[in-house]
Amino acid sequence: MDTVLTIDGNSFPGIWRYLLPEDFAYMKLPQERHSTCHNCPSVACQSFRPDYRCCTYLPKMTNFQLSQVFHDNPESIKRLVHRRLVTPEGLTASPTDWFLSAVQNTSGQFGKGDLILCPMFNKELNNCGVHRFRNATCSTFFCYKDHGAEGEIFWDKLETLVVQIESALSQWIMSELGINIEMFFQSLADAAEDWTPPEPPISGPVGWTETIMKGLWQDWYHRETEYFQKSYQLLQDHKHELYEIAKSYPMKRPSEFERKMQSKVPDAISHRLSESETYQKGDIVSIESLWYEFSAVQRNLLKIPSSGEEMVQNPYLSLVELNNFSLDQTLKPHLEGYSHAVINPDSPTQNLDSMVVIKSHETELWHYFSSPKPIDETLYLELTDQDPQEIMRTISEWIKRQILVDRKRI
């Protein structure tokens, strides 16, 4: 359960083998070759901090994810307990931390600011300290998508699905261990009732007050490490049932807490708040429905036009050699292994959003579509030295990024 699940070059927490239907492990997924944490393109292209990068964020980690971390490294969870950052639900944002996160994300400071920095980040190694156990939001975040806007939709659908599963299982564990969820939500609402926005300067996470922590933890107060041990055992005992449990669990939402928090946020930022800044992302929707929606998007993302359609190079784009192309020097480390780029010559800027970089062998595929061609067996006969599956993957990406277009639409 702790062993990483790898699909098409993407790594996911091992527990996803049990959180999702078995079909997920056999799906074709975007490779997202340009979103590399160890060589972050957003540092170069968006002026992200080179240390925390996209970890200027307080992740909502569930109790069962923290129980896995506890099993792996007990001291890291004990430190979070000492800082009053964790509740029976998991790593849960206090009103002040929720507010700081909202301010940072609505002011264009995500990836750049220091109002909220992830407490799970390992400063010594300069990477995520809980990568094998990270939540759905972190697991599905890619700053640059191979499939462009449609790739964004794909990962958003997967995130929404897994967030719902995580939330349901988190509440199931709370109820199994005797936490009264209604009382828990009431303690959240009480915290919001007594809270006022902090005066700057302040940075987080700052955690919960001692009084609120007593109400949130109920009979488990000062027995938090034992709680995570029990959570881990529940996870082990029911790992083959987790998806079914999540589907059937009657999940609830802390509506009163959300309403009170929203009412106290200054007007200057309240209108810019999105679902990602709410306490629990998205509405409560049937997990089966979310799985169906995600599966449909996944099939469409890699769909190739029928043999009756002819595709051709987008006439507004050009192929250039990277060595002969004026490019921001900060981008060069992210283009290692690539020889060419397809660009719009009229674009005022050239960055990873506005161009598609390709490898030397892929230029043959680009030239193949210099005139309208159907996508059929002729393609494989012409490009005999290339893997058919990789050809199809590349074509699907190029169609979604409008590198190739239907000749009838020109």
Protein backbone atom coordinates (compact mmCIF):
# COMPACT_ATOMS: atom_id res chain seq x y z
CA MET A 1 0.00 0.00 0.00
CA ASP A 2 2.97 2.30 0.57
CA THR A 3 4.64 1.40 -2.74
CA VAL A 4 4.25 4.12 -5.37
CA LEU A 5 1.81 3.43 -8.22
CA THR A 6 3.38 4.36 -11.57
CA ILE A 7 1.27 4.83 -14.71
CA ASP A 8 2.73 6.20 -17.95
CA GLY A 9 5.58 7.85 -16.11
CA ASN A 10 3.29 9.47 -13.52
CA SER A 11 3.70 8.46 -9.89
CA PHE A 12 0.71 8.30 -7.57
CA PRO A 13 0.39 7.32 -3.91
CA GLY A 14 0.29 3.53 -3.57
CA ILE A 15 -3.04 3.68 -1.76
CA TRP A 16 -4.66 4.78 -5.03
CA ARG A 17 -4.62 1.08 -5.98
CA TYR A 18 -7.43 0.73 -3.44
CA LEU A 19 -9.07 4.16 -3.59
CA LEU A 20 -9.99 3.80 -7.27
CA PRO A 21 -11.44 1.02 -9.43
CA GLU A 22 -8.88 -1.45 -10.78
CA ASP A 23 -9.36 -0.03 -14.30
CA PHE A 24 -7.48 3.12 -13.30
CA ALA A 25 -4.12 1.31 -13.18
CA TYR A 26 -4.51 0.32 -16.86
CA MET A 27 -5.59 3.69 -18.23
CA LYS A 28 -3.49 5.74 -20.62
CA LEU A 29 -2.61 9.05 -18.99
CA PRO A 30 -0.86 12.22 -20.15
CA GLN A 31 2.86 12.01 -19.40
CA GLU A 32 3.21 15.73 -18.57
CA ARG A 33 6.86 15.72 -19.58
CA HIS A 34 7.45 19.42 -18.84
CA SER A 35 6.08 19.52 -15.29
CA THR A 36 9.20 18.39 -13.46
CA CYS A 37 9.47 19.28 -9.79
CA HIS A 38 13.25 18.74 -9.69
CA ASN A 39 13.69 21.22 -12.55
CA CYS A 40 10.64 23.45 -12.10
CA PRO A 41 9.66 25.31 -15.29
CA SER A 42 7.51 27.74 -13.29
CA VAL A 43 10.60 29.10 -11.57
CA ALA A 44 11.85 30.17 -14.99
CA CYS A 45 8.54 31.09 -16.60
CA GLN A 46 6.41 32.43 -13.75
CA SER A 47 8.99 33.62 -11.19
CA PHE A 48 8.07 30.94 -8.65
CA ARG A 49 10.21 30.66 -5.54
CA PRO A 50 13.10 28.27 -6.27
CA ASP A 51 12.78 26.67 -2.84
CA TYR A 52 9.07 26.03 -2.17
CA ARG A 53 7.83 26.41 -5.78
CA CYS A 54 4.17 25.28 -5.84
CA CYS A 55 4.36 24.27 -2.15
CA THR A 56 3.27 27.76 -1.05
CA TYR A 57 0.07 26.00 -0.13
CA LEU A 58 -1.46 24.22 2.87
CA PRO A 59 -2.55 20.77 1.66
CA LYS A 60 -5.60 19.18 3.16
CA MET A 61 -4.21 15.77 4.06
CA THR A 62 -6.67 13.28 5.46
CA ASN A 63 -6.33 11.28 8.66
CA PHE A 64 -5.55 8.08 6.76
CA GLN A 65 -2.81 9.80 4.74
CA LEU A 66 -1.30 11.17 7.94
CA SER A 67 -1.57 7.71 9.48
CA GLN A 68 0.63 6.40 6.65
CA VAL A 69 3.11 9.19 7.31
CA PHE A 70 3.00 8.35 11.02
CA HIS A 71 3.72 4.69 10.29
CA ASP A 72 6.68 5.77 8.15
CA ASN A 73 7.98 8.65 10.30
CA PRO A 74 6.20 9.12 13.66
CA GLU A 75 8.21 12.18 14.64
CA SER A 76 6.96 14.22 11.68
CA ILE A 77 3.34 13.78 12.80
CA LYS A 78 4.20 14.44 16.43
CA ARG A 79 5.63 17.80 15.34
CA LEU A 80 2.37 18.65 13.55
CA VAL A 81 0.38 17.67 16.65
CA HIS A 82 2.63 19.89 18.78
CA ARG A 83 2.00 22.81 16.38
CA ARG A 84 -1.78 22.16 16.63
CA LEU A 85 -2.08 21.71 12.86
CA VAL A 86 -3.89 18.36 12.81
CA THR A 87 -7.42 17.39 13.73
CA PRO A 88 -9.21 14.01 13.69
CA GLU A 89 -9.98 14.77 10.04
CA GLY A 90 -6.30 15.27 9.15
CA LEU A 91 -4.22 18.33 8.30
CA THR A 92 -7.03 20.87 8.48
CA ALA A 93 -6.66 24.61 7.91
CA SER A 94 -7.54 26.76 10.91
CA PRO A 95 -9.51 29.97 10.21
CA THR A 96 -6.31 32.02 10.14
CA ASP A 97 -4.54 29.55 7.84
CA TRP A 98 -7.60 29.36 5.59
CA PHE A 99 -7.59 33.16 5.40
CA LEU A 100 -3.86 33.45 4.69
CA SER A 101 -4.17 30.84 1.96
CA ALA A 102 -7.12 32.70 0.42
CA VAL A 103 -5.24 36.02 0.47
CA GLN A 104 -2.14 34.46 -1.09
CA ASN A 105 -4.02 32.63 -3.83
CA THR A 106 -6.25 35.56 -4.78
CA SER A 107 -3.40 38.05 -4.98
CA GLY A 108 -1.36 36.20 -7.60
CA GLN A 109 1.19 35.04 -5.02
CA PHE A 110 0.74 31.28 -5.39
CA GLY A 111 4.23 29.88 -5.89
CA LYS A 112 5.76 33.22 -4.93
CA GLY A 113 4.54 34.34 -1.51
CA ASP A 114 5.29 33.33 2.06
CA LEU A 115 1.92 33.78 3.78
CA ILE A 116 1.40 30.00 3.70
CA LEU A 117 4.17 27.44 3.25
CA CYS A 118 3.52 23.70 3.32
CA PRO A 119 4.53 22.21 6.71
CA MET A 120 5.27 18.87 5.00
CA PHE A 121 8.03 20.39 2.85
CA ASN A 122 11.54 19.10 3.61
CA LYS A 123 13.74 22.21 3.66
CA GLU A 124 16.98 20.25 3.90
CA LEU A 125 16.29 18.11 0.82
CA ASN A 126 14.29 20.85 -0.93
CA ASN A 127 11.41 18.52 -1.76
CA CYS A 128 8.12 17.11 -0.49
CA GLY A 129 8.56 15.18 2.73
CA VAL A 130 5.43 13.08 2.21
CA HIS A 131 5.44 12.58 -1.56
CA ARG A 132 4.45 8.89 -1.36
CA PHE A 133 1.37 9.81 0.68
CA ARG A 134 0.39 13.19 -0.79
CA ASN A 135 -3.22 14.17 -1.36
CA ALA A 136 -5.27 14.34 -4.58
CA THR A 137 -4.62 18.03 -5.22
CA CYS A 138 -0.84 17.63 -5.06
CA SER A 139 -0.95 14.36 -7.03
CA THR A 140 -2.83 15.91 -9.95
CA PHE A 141 -1.16 19.33 -10.11
CA PHE A 142 0.94 19.97 -13.21
CA CYS A 143 1.92 23.53 -14.06
CA TYR A 144 2.27 22.73 -17.80
CA LYS A 145 -0.01 20.23 -19.54
CA ASP A 146 1.00 18.26 -22.64
CA HIS A 147 -2.62 18.41 -23.83
CA GLY A 148 -3.18 22.08 -23.02
CA ALA A 149 -6.67 23.12 -21.87
CA GLU A 150 -8.12 19.62 -22.31
CA GLY A 151 -5.34 18.25 -20.12
CA GLU A 152 -6.39 20.78 -17.48
CA ILE A 153 -9.94 19.39 -17.59
CA PHE A 154 -8.64 15.82 -17.35
CA TRP A 155 -6.60 16.41 -14.19
CA ASP A 156 -9.35 18.53 -12.63
CA LYS A 157 -11.83 15.67 -13.08
CA LEU A 158 -9.42 13.20 -11.50
CA GLU A 159 -8.70 15.57 -8.61
CA THR A 160 -12.40 16.12 -7.94
CA LEU A 161 -13.03 12.37 -7.92
CA VAL A 162 -10.20 11.51 -5.54
CA VAL A 163 -10.87 14.50 -3.24
CA GLN A 164 -14.42 13.21 -2.80
CA ILE A 165 -13.12 9.71 -2.03
CA GLU A 166 -10.54 11.09 0.41
CA SER A 167 -13.15 13.17 2.22
CA ALA A 168 -15.60 10.27 2.51
CA LEU A 169 -12.96 7.90 3.87
CA SER A 170 -11.69 10.54 6.28
CA GLN A 171 -15.18 10.95 7.76
CA TRP A 172 -15.65 7.17 7.81
CA ILE A 173 -12.48 6.76 9.88
CA MET A 174 -13.60 9.53 12.23
CA SER A 175 -16.93 7.79 12.82
CA GLU A 176 -15.27 4.36 13.19
CA LEU A 177 -13.00 5.77 15.91
CA GLY A 178 -15.83 7.40 17.82
CA ILE A 179 -15.54 11.02 16.70
CA ASN A 180 -18.95 12.68 16.66
CA ILE A 181 -18.86 14.43 13.27
CA GLU A 182 -21.71 16.82 14.09
CA MET A 183 -19.84 17.95 17.21
CA PHE A 184 -16.65 18.22 15.17
CA PHE A 185 -18.36 20.50 12.64
CA GLN A 186 -19.88 22.55 15.45
CA SER A 187 -16.40 23.11 16.89
CA LEU A 188 -15.28 24.31 13.46
CA ALA A 189 -18.22 26.72 13.34
CA ASP A 190 -17.43 27.97 16.87
CA ALA A 191 -13.86 28.66 15.78
CA ALA A 192 -15.12 30.70 12.84
CA GLU A 193 -17.61 32.59 15.04
CA ASP A 194 -14.88 33.85 17.37
CA TRP A 195 -12.30 34.53 14.66
CA THR A 196 -11.28 37.88 13.19
CA PRO A 197 -8.85 38.42 10.29
CA PRO A 198 -5.27 38.83 11.56
CA GLU A 199 -3.31 42.03 11.19
CA PRO A 200 -0.17 41.84 9.04
CA PRO A 201 2.62 40.90 9.15
CA ILE A 202 1.87 37.24 9.77
CA SER A 203 2.71 33.99 8.02
CA GLY A 204 1.43 30.49 8.47
CA PRO A 205 0.47 27.89 9.13
CA VAL A 206 -0.32 29.00 12.69
CA GLY A 207 -2.69 26.19 13.67
CA TRP A 208 -5.68 26.03 16.01
CA THR A 209 -6.16 27.39 19.51
CA GLU A 210 -5.88 24.99 22.43
CA THR A 211 -9.57 25.48 23.31
CA ILE A 212 -10.78 24.60 19.82
CA MET A 213 -8.45 21.62 19.65
CA LYS A 214 -10.11 20.13 22.74
CA GLY A 215 -13.50 20.37 21.05
CA LEU A 216 -12.27 18.96 17.75
CA TRP A 217 -10.44 15.97 19.23
CA GLN A 218 -13.15 15.13 21.78
CA ASP A 219 -12.17 11.95 23.70
CA TRP A 220 -8.98 11.62 21.66
CA TYR A 221 -7.51 14.86 22.96
CA HIS A 222 -3.90 14.20 24.07
CA ARG A 223 -4.18 10.72 22.50
CA GLU A 224 -3.54 11.91 18.94
CA THR A 225 -0.68 9.53 18.14
CA GLU A 226 -2.81 6.59 19.26
CA TYR A 227 -5.56 7.89 16.98
CA PHE A 228 -3.27 7.78 13.94
CA GLN A 229 -2.10 4.30 14.89
CA LYS A 230 -5.75 3.16 14.94
CA SER A 231 -6.39 4.95 11.65
CA TYR A 232 -3.53 3.06 10.01
CA GLN A 233 -4.86 -0.25 11.30
CA LEU A 234 -8.32 0.52 9.89
CA LEU A 235 -6.71 1.30 6.57
CA GLN A 236 -4.86 -2.00 6.54
CA ASP A 237 -7.86 -4.05 7.65
CA HIS A 238 -10.18 -2.59 5.00
CA LYS A 239 -7.82 -1.70 2.16
CA HIS A 240 -9.61 -3.93 -0.37
CA GLU A 241 -12.95 -2.28 0.48
CA LEU A 242 -11.95 1.39 0.48
CA TYR A 243 -13.56 2.36 -2.82
CA GLU A 244 -16.84 0.65 -1.89
CA ILE A 245 -16.80 2.24 1.57
CA ALA A 246 -16.24 5.69 0.08
CA LYS A 247 -19.07 5.20 -2.45
CA SER A 248 -21.60 4.29 0.22
CA TYR A 249 -20.54 6.57 3.08
CA PRO A 250 -23.04 9.44 3.70
CA MET A 251 -20.51 12.27 3.66
CA LYS A 252 -21.38 15.64 5.19
CA ARG A 253 -20.08 19.14 4.60
CA PRO A 254 -19.26 21.80 7.25
CA SER A 255 -21.62 24.36 5.73
CA GLU A 256 -21.93 26.57 8.83
CA PHE A 257 -18.15 26.91 9.14
CA GLU A 258 -17.88 27.82 5.46
CA ARG A 259 -20.70 30.36 5.67
CA LYS A 260 -19.19 32.09 8.71
CA MET A 261 -15.72 32.17 7.18
CA GLN A 262 -17.02 33.60 3.91
CA SER A 263 -18.88 36.32 5.80
CA LYS A 264 -15.69 37.47 7.54
CA VAL A 265 -13.46 37.64 4.49
CA PRO A 266 -12.89 41.25 3.35
CA ASP A 267 -14.83 42.27 0.24
CA ALA A 268 -11.54 42.99 -1.53
CA ILE A 269 -10.82 39.27 -1.84
CA SER A 270 -14.19 37.54 -1.29
CA HIS A 271 -15.32 37.98 -4.91
CA ARG A 272 -12.09 36.34 -6.11
CA LEU A 273 -12.43 33.23 -3.99
CA SER A 274 -12.86 30.01 -5.95
CA GLU A 275 -13.85 26.51 -4.90
CA SER A 276 -10.17 25.73 -4.27
CA GLU A 277 -10.20 28.13 -1.30
CA THR A 278 -13.26 26.61 0.35
CA TYR A 279 -12.85 24.26 3.28
CA GLN A 280 -13.89 21.19 1.33
CA LYS A 281 -13.50 21.49 -2.45
CA GLY A 282 -16.59 21.04 -4.59
CA ASP A 283 -20.13 19.89 -3.91
CA ILE A 284 -20.90 16.42 -2.60
CA VAL A 285 -21.54 14.39 -5.74
CA SER A 286 -21.97 10.65 -6.20
CA ILE A 287 -18.54 9.05 -6.48
CA GLU A 288 -19.88 6.72 -9.15
CA SER A 289 -20.96 9.75 -11.19
CA LEU A 290 -17.54 11.34 -10.77
CA TRP A 291 -15.82 8.13 -11.88
CA TYR A 292 -18.05 8.00 -14.97
CA GLU A 293 -17.26 11.64 -15.83
CA PHE A 294 -13.53 11.12 -15.37
CA SER A 295 -13.54 7.93 -17.48
CA ALA A 296 -15.35 9.74 -20.29
CA VAL A 297 -12.83 12.61 -20.27
CA GLN A 298 -9.94 10.12 -20.22
CA ARG A 299 -11.26 8.30 -23.29
CA ASN A 300 -11.77 11.56 -25.15
CA LEU A 301 -8.36 12.98 -24.23
CA LEU A 302 -6.44 10.31 -26.12
CA LYS A 303 -9.05 9.81 -28.83
CA ILE A 304 -7.74 9.80 -32.40
CA PRO A 305 -9.95 10.98 -35.30
CA SER A 306 -11.53 8.29 -37.46
CA SER A 307 -9.81 7.26 -40.67
CA GLY A 308 -12.27 9.36 -42.69
CA GLU A 309 -10.84 12.61 -41.30
CA GLU A 310 -7.67 14.11 -42.70
CA MET A 311 -5.30 16.07 -40.45
CA VAL A 312 -2.74 18.65 -41.53
CA GLN A 313 -0.23 21.03 -39.97
CA ASN A 314 -1.81 24.15 -38.52
CA PRO A 315 -0.98 26.73 -41.25
CA TYR A 316 -0.43 29.45 -38.66
CA LEU A 317 2.40 27.56 -36.98
CA SER A 318 6.03 27.00 -37.91
CA LEU A 319 8.74 24.51 -37.00
CA VAL A 320 12.01 26.02 -35.75
CA GLU A 321 15.29 24.58 -34.50
CA LEU A 322 15.87 25.46 -30.87
CA ASN A 323 19.58 26.05 -31.47
CA ASN A 324 18.75 28.78 -33.98
CA PHE A 325 15.87 30.26 -32.01
CA SER A 326 16.06 33.25 -29.70
CA LEU A 327 14.86 31.89 -26.39
CA ASP A 328 14.97 33.01 -22.78
CA GLN A 329 18.11 31.39 -21.31
CA THR A 330 16.21 30.36 -18.18
CA LEU A 331 14.10 27.98 -20.29
CA LYS A 332 17.02 26.02 -21.70
CA PRO A 333 17.41 23.59 -18.76
CA HIS A 334 13.79 22.52 -19.31
CA LEU A 335 14.33 21.75 -23.00
CA GLU A 336 17.09 19.18 -22.68
CA GLY A 337 16.49 16.36 -25.17
CA TYR A 338 14.36 18.50 -27.46
CA SER A 339 15.65 19.77 -30.80
CA HIS A 340 12.75 21.73 -32.31
CA ALA A 341 9.67 23.73 -31.39
CA VAL A 342 6.39 24.39 -33.12
CA ILE A 343 5.60 28.07 -32.61
CA ASN A 344 3.26 30.82 -33.68
CA PRO A 345 5.65 33.31 -35.35
CA ASP A 346 3.22 36.15 -34.60
CA SER A 347 3.12 35.47 -30.84
CA PRO A 348 4.70 38.34 -28.86
CA THR A 349 6.26 35.88 -26.37
CA GLN A 350 7.60 32.37 -26.70
CA ASN A 351 7.32 30.20 -23.60
CA LEU A 352 6.19 26.71 -22.64
CA ASP A 353 2.54 27.77 -22.88
CA SER A 354 2.80 29.22 -26.37
CA MET A 355 4.97 26.60 -28.08
CA VAL A 356 5.27 22.83 -28.31
CA VAL A 357 8.79 21.44 -28.14
CA ILE A 358 9.50 18.18 -29.93
CA LYS A 359 12.36 15.71 -30.25
CA SER A 360 14.36 15.17 -33.41
CA HIS A 361 12.57 11.95 -34.41
CA GLU A 362 9.19 13.68 -34.03
CA THR A 363 10.04 16.16 -36.78
CA GLU A 364 9.44 13.33 -39.24
CA LEU A 365 5.88 13.08 -37.97
CA TRP A 366 5.46 16.85 -38.33
CA HIS A 367 6.62 16.76 -41.95
CA TYR A 368 4.37 13.78 -42.66
CA PHE A 369 1.36 16.06 -42.10
CA SER A 370 2.64 18.85 -44.36
CA SER A 371 -0.25 17.85 -46.61
CA PRO A 372 -3.62 16.47 -45.44
CA LYS A 373 -3.35 12.82 -44.38
CA PRO A 374 -5.74 10.34 -42.77
CA ILE A 375 -4.62 8.65 -39.58
CA ASP A 376 -4.54 5.04 -40.74
CA GLU A 377 -2.14 2.17 -41.36
CA THR A 378 -0.28 4.22 -43.98
CA LEU A 379 1.13 6.28 -41.15
CA TYR A 380 2.84 3.26 -39.60
CA LEU A 381 4.19 2.12 -42.96
CA GLU A 382 5.79 5.54 -43.50
CA LEU A 383 7.24 5.80 -39.98
CA THR A 384 8.48 2.26 -39.48
CA ASP A 385 11.23 3.21 -37.01
CA GLN A 386 8.81 4.68 -34.44
CA ASP A 387 6.66 3.01 -31.80
CA PRO A 388 3.00 3.02 -32.97
CA GLN A 389 1.74 3.74 -29.45
CA GLU A 390 4.06 6.72 -29.10
CA ILE A 391 2.93 7.98 -32.52
CA MET A 392 -0.69 7.86 -31.37
CA ARG A 393 0.14 9.58 -28.09
CA THR A 394 2.01 12.37 -29.88
CA ILE A 395 -0.78 12.84 -32.42
CA SER A 396 -3.40 13.07 -29.68
CA GLU A 397 -1.32 15.76 -27.93
CA TRP A 398 -0.81 17.70 -31.14
CA ILE A 399 -4.51 17.62 -31.96
CA LYS A 400 -5.44 18.87 -28.48
CA ARG A 401 -2.83 21.64 -28.75
CA GLN A 402 -4.04 22.42 -32.30
CA ILE A 403 -0.68 21.61 -33.84
CA LEU A 404 -2.61 19.34 -36.19
CA VAL A 405 -6.04 20.40 -37.42
CA ASP A 406 -8.82 18.92 -39.50
CA ARG A 407 -8.26 20.13 -43.06
CA LYS A 408 -12.00 20.86 -43.43
CA ARG A 409 -11.74 23.48 -40.65
CA ILE A 410 -8.98 25.51 -42.26
